[in-house]
Amino acid sequence: MYGDTAVLYAKARELRTIAVDARDRAKTLRAGAGSAWVSSAAATFTAALGEHADHIVASADALDDAADALEAHARAVDAVKTAIADAERWVSDRWHDAMHIASNAVEAIEDGVAGFFHVMGAVIPKYAVESAKDTVRTVPSLPTTGSREWLGLADTFRSQGW
């Protein structure tokens, strides 16, 4: 749902490669000035080459900054995807348990007192069945895999004590 962050990491590597190449070109440009030519024109030419090399290095630095930003964004997206997957597992387990209890609870009268339920042979207190039914009423179906809605549901489940 949030895309393949491998593409972002690959683009960051590509930007870093271009930055290295740019720095190499700046070194070559500086080395090209040489010292055999001595005159005021040579000094002007050498200064201009140095300025161009400085601009190339600044561009290479900007490429590295862009690569850093891409990687940071990719890590943030990966963290959100992991949080969603964790919330999906956690909520799904609790929702399915609640659905199981709400669907299979059979009220029993024990010692003349109603209020206990049997679910597949296990005795479940009334409050657990009511909580399960409340869960299923509140969340009648689960969101699609990878949806950000899982994060909100996890907060709801925690706040309700489900």
Protein backbone atom coordinates (compact mmCIF):
# COMPACT_ATOMS: atom_id res chain seq x y z
CA MET A 1 0.00 0.00 0.00
CA TYR A 2 2.90 2.35 0.68
CA GLY A 3 5.13 1.28 -2.15
CA ASP A 4 8.45 -0.46 -2.32
CA THR A 5 11.04 1.39 -0.29
CA ALA A 6 13.76 -0.59 -2.07
CA VAL A 7 13.23 1.84 -4.96
CA LEU A 8 13.99 4.77 -2.63
CA TYR A 9 17.11 3.09 -1.26
CA ALA A 10 18.27 2.34 -4.82
CA LYS A 11 17.72 5.98 -5.84
CA ALA A 12 19.72 7.12 -2.80
CA ARG A 13 22.59 4.82 -3.82
CA GLU A 14 22.39 6.22 -7.35
CA LEU A 15 22.59 9.80 -6.03
CA ARG A 16 25.62 8.90 -3.92
CA THR A 17 27.32 7.37 -6.97
CA ILE A 18 26.67 10.55 -8.95
CA ALA A 19 28.07 12.61 -6.05
CA VAL A 20 31.28 10.55 -6.00
CA ASP A 21 31.60 10.97 -9.77
CA ALA A 22 31.06 14.74 -9.45
CA ARG A 23 33.77 15.01 -6.79
CA ASP A 24 36.15 13.05 -9.03
CA ARG A 25 35.40 15.45 -11.88
CA ALA A 26 36.06 18.42 -9.59
CA LYS A 27 39.45 16.93 -8.69
CA THR A 28 40.21 16.42 -12.37
CA LEU A 29 39.19 20.00 -13.11
CA ARG A 30 41.46 21.35 -10.40
CA ALA A 31 44.34 19.16 -11.59
CA GLY A 32 43.82 20.36 -15.17
CA ALA A 33 44.88 23.87 -14.30
CA GLY A 34 48.50 22.77 -14.07
CA SER A 35 51.41 24.96 -13.04
CA ALA A 36 53.37 25.18 -16.29
CA TRP A 37 51.40 28.15 -17.58
CA VAL A 38 52.32 31.30 -15.68
CA SER A 39 50.60 34.56 -16.52
CA SER A 40 47.72 36.72 -15.39
CA ALA A 41 45.46 34.85 -17.84
CA ALA A 42 46.62 31.56 -16.31
CA ALA A 43 45.82 32.87 -12.83
CA THR A 44 42.33 33.95 -13.96
CA PHE A 45 41.80 30.61 -15.68
CA THR A 46 42.97 28.67 -12.62
CA ALA A 47 40.69 30.73 -10.34
CA ALA A 48 37.73 30.09 -12.65
CA LEU A 49 38.45 26.36 -12.68
CA GLY A 50 38.63 26.40 -8.89
CA GLU A 51 35.26 28.15 -8.67
CA HIS A 52 33.70 25.65 -11.07
CA ALA A 53 35.20 22.80 -9.05
CA ASP A 54 33.80 24.33 -5.85
CA HIS A 55 30.33 24.51 -7.43
CA ILE A 56 30.60 20.88 -8.53
CA VAL A 57 31.60 19.83 -5.00
CA ALA A 58 28.68 21.84 -3.59
CA SER A 59 26.37 20.02 -6.01
CA ALA A 60 27.85 16.70 -4.89
CA ASP A 61 27.18 17.67 -1.27
CA ALA A 62 23.58 18.50 -2.20
CA LEU A 63 23.25 15.09 -3.86
CA ASP A 64 24.49 13.42 -0.66
CA ASP A 65 21.96 15.47 1.34
CA ALA A 66 19.20 14.35 -1.02
CA ALA A 67 20.31 10.73 -0.64
CA ASP A 68 20.24 11.11 3.16
CA ALA A 69 16.72 12.56 2.97
CA LEU A 70 15.53 9.72 0.71
CA GLU A 71 16.96 7.12 3.07
CA ALA A 72 15.40 8.83 6.09
CA HIS A 73 12.04 8.89 4.32
CA ALA A 74 12.36 5.22 3.34
CA ARG A 75 13.19 4.29 6.94
CA ALA A 76 10.15 6.26 8.15
CA VAL A 77 7.90 4.50 5.63
CA ASP A 78 9.34 1.13 6.67
CA ALA A 79 8.66 1.99 10.32
CA VAL A 80 5.03 2.86 9.56
CA LYS A 81 4.60 -0.33 7.53
CA THR A 82 6.02 -2.34 10.46
CA ALA A 83 3.75 -0.55 12.95
CA ILE A 84 0.73 -1.27 10.75
CA ALA A 85 1.68 -4.96 10.43
CA ASP A 86 2.19 -5.22 14.20
CA ALA A 87 -1.15 -3.53 14.89
CA GLU A 88 -2.85 -5.78 12.34
CA ARG A 89 -1.57 -8.93 14.05
CA TRP A 90 -2.41 -7.67 17.51
CA VAL A 91 -5.91 -6.41 16.67
CA SER A 92 -6.73 -9.43 14.48
CA ASP A 93 -5.90 -11.84 17.29
CA ARG A 94 -8.13 -10.00 19.75
CA TRP A 95 -10.94 -9.44 17.24
CA HIS A 96 -10.99 -13.09 16.19
CA ASP A 97 -11.02 -14.17 19.85
CA ALA A 98 -13.92 -11.79 20.50
CA MET A 99 -15.76 -13.04 17.41
CA HIS A 100 -15.25 -16.64 18.57
CA ILE A 101 -16.59 -15.89 22.05
CA ALA A 102 -19.50 -13.75 20.81
CA SER A 103 -20.52 -16.36 18.22
CA ASN A 104 -20.16 -19.47 20.37
CA ALA A 105 -21.22 -18.36 23.85
CA VAL A 106 -24.06 -20.35 25.36
CA GLU A 107 -25.55 -19.05 28.59
CA ALA A 108 -25.59 -21.55 31.42
CA ILE A 109 -27.33 -21.60 34.75
CA GLU A 110 -25.10 -22.92 37.46
CA ASP A 111 -26.18 -23.28 41.04
CA GLY A 112 -29.40 -21.46 40.11
CA VAL A 113 -27.54 -18.35 38.99
CA ALA A 114 -27.35 -17.23 35.39
CA GLY A 115 -24.36 -15.27 34.27
CA PHE A 116 -21.85 -17.82 33.11
CA PHE A 117 -21.35 -18.87 29.55
CA HIS A 118 -19.80 -21.89 27.95
CA VAL A 119 -17.66 -21.51 24.86
CA MET A 120 -16.43 -24.78 23.41
CA GLY A 121 -16.48 -26.39 26.85
CA ALA A 122 -14.75 -23.53 28.66
CA VAL A 123 -16.59 -21.45 31.24
CA ILE A 124 -16.46 -17.74 30.36
CA PRO A 125 -17.75 -15.05 32.73
CA LYS A 126 -20.60 -12.84 31.51
CA TYR A 127 -18.41 -9.70 31.42
CA ALA A 128 -16.00 -11.39 28.98
CA VAL A 129 -18.89 -12.33 26.67
CA GLU A 130 -20.33 -8.81 26.88
CA SER A 131 -16.89 -7.34 26.13
CA ALA A 132 -16.52 -9.68 23.15
CA LYS A 133 -19.96 -8.71 21.83
CA ASP A 134 -19.13 -5.03 22.32
CA THR A 135 -15.90 -5.52 20.38
CA VAL A 136 -17.70 -7.19 17.48
CA ARG A 137 -20.47 -4.55 17.47
CA THR A 138 -17.92 -1.72 17.49
CA VAL A 139 -15.71 -3.33 14.84
CA PRO A 140 -17.98 -5.46 12.63
CA SER A 141 -15.20 -6.10 10.11
CA LEU A 142 -11.47 -5.63 9.88
CA PRO A 143 -9.69 -3.23 7.50
CA THR A 144 -7.71 -4.42 4.52
CA THR A 145 -4.16 -5.59 5.04
CA GLY A 146 -1.68 -2.72 5.19
CA SER A 147 -4.28 -0.02 5.85
CA ARG A 148 -3.43 2.78 8.28
CA GLU A 149 -6.80 2.05 9.91
CA TRP A 150 -5.07 -0.75 11.86
CA LEU A 151 -3.17 1.86 13.87
CA GLY A 152 -6.40 3.58 14.90
CA LEU A 153 -8.00 0.25 15.75
CA ALA A 154 -5.05 -0.69 17.93
CA ASP A 155 -5.52 2.58 19.84
CA THR A 156 -9.25 1.89 20.17
CA PHE A 157 -8.68 -1.67 21.40
CA ARG A 158 -6.16 -0.49 23.97
CA SER A 159 -8.33 2.38 25.20
CA GLN A 160 -11.32 0.03 25.55
CA GLY A 161 -9.24 -2.60 27.31
CA TRP A 162 -10.02 -5.25 24.71
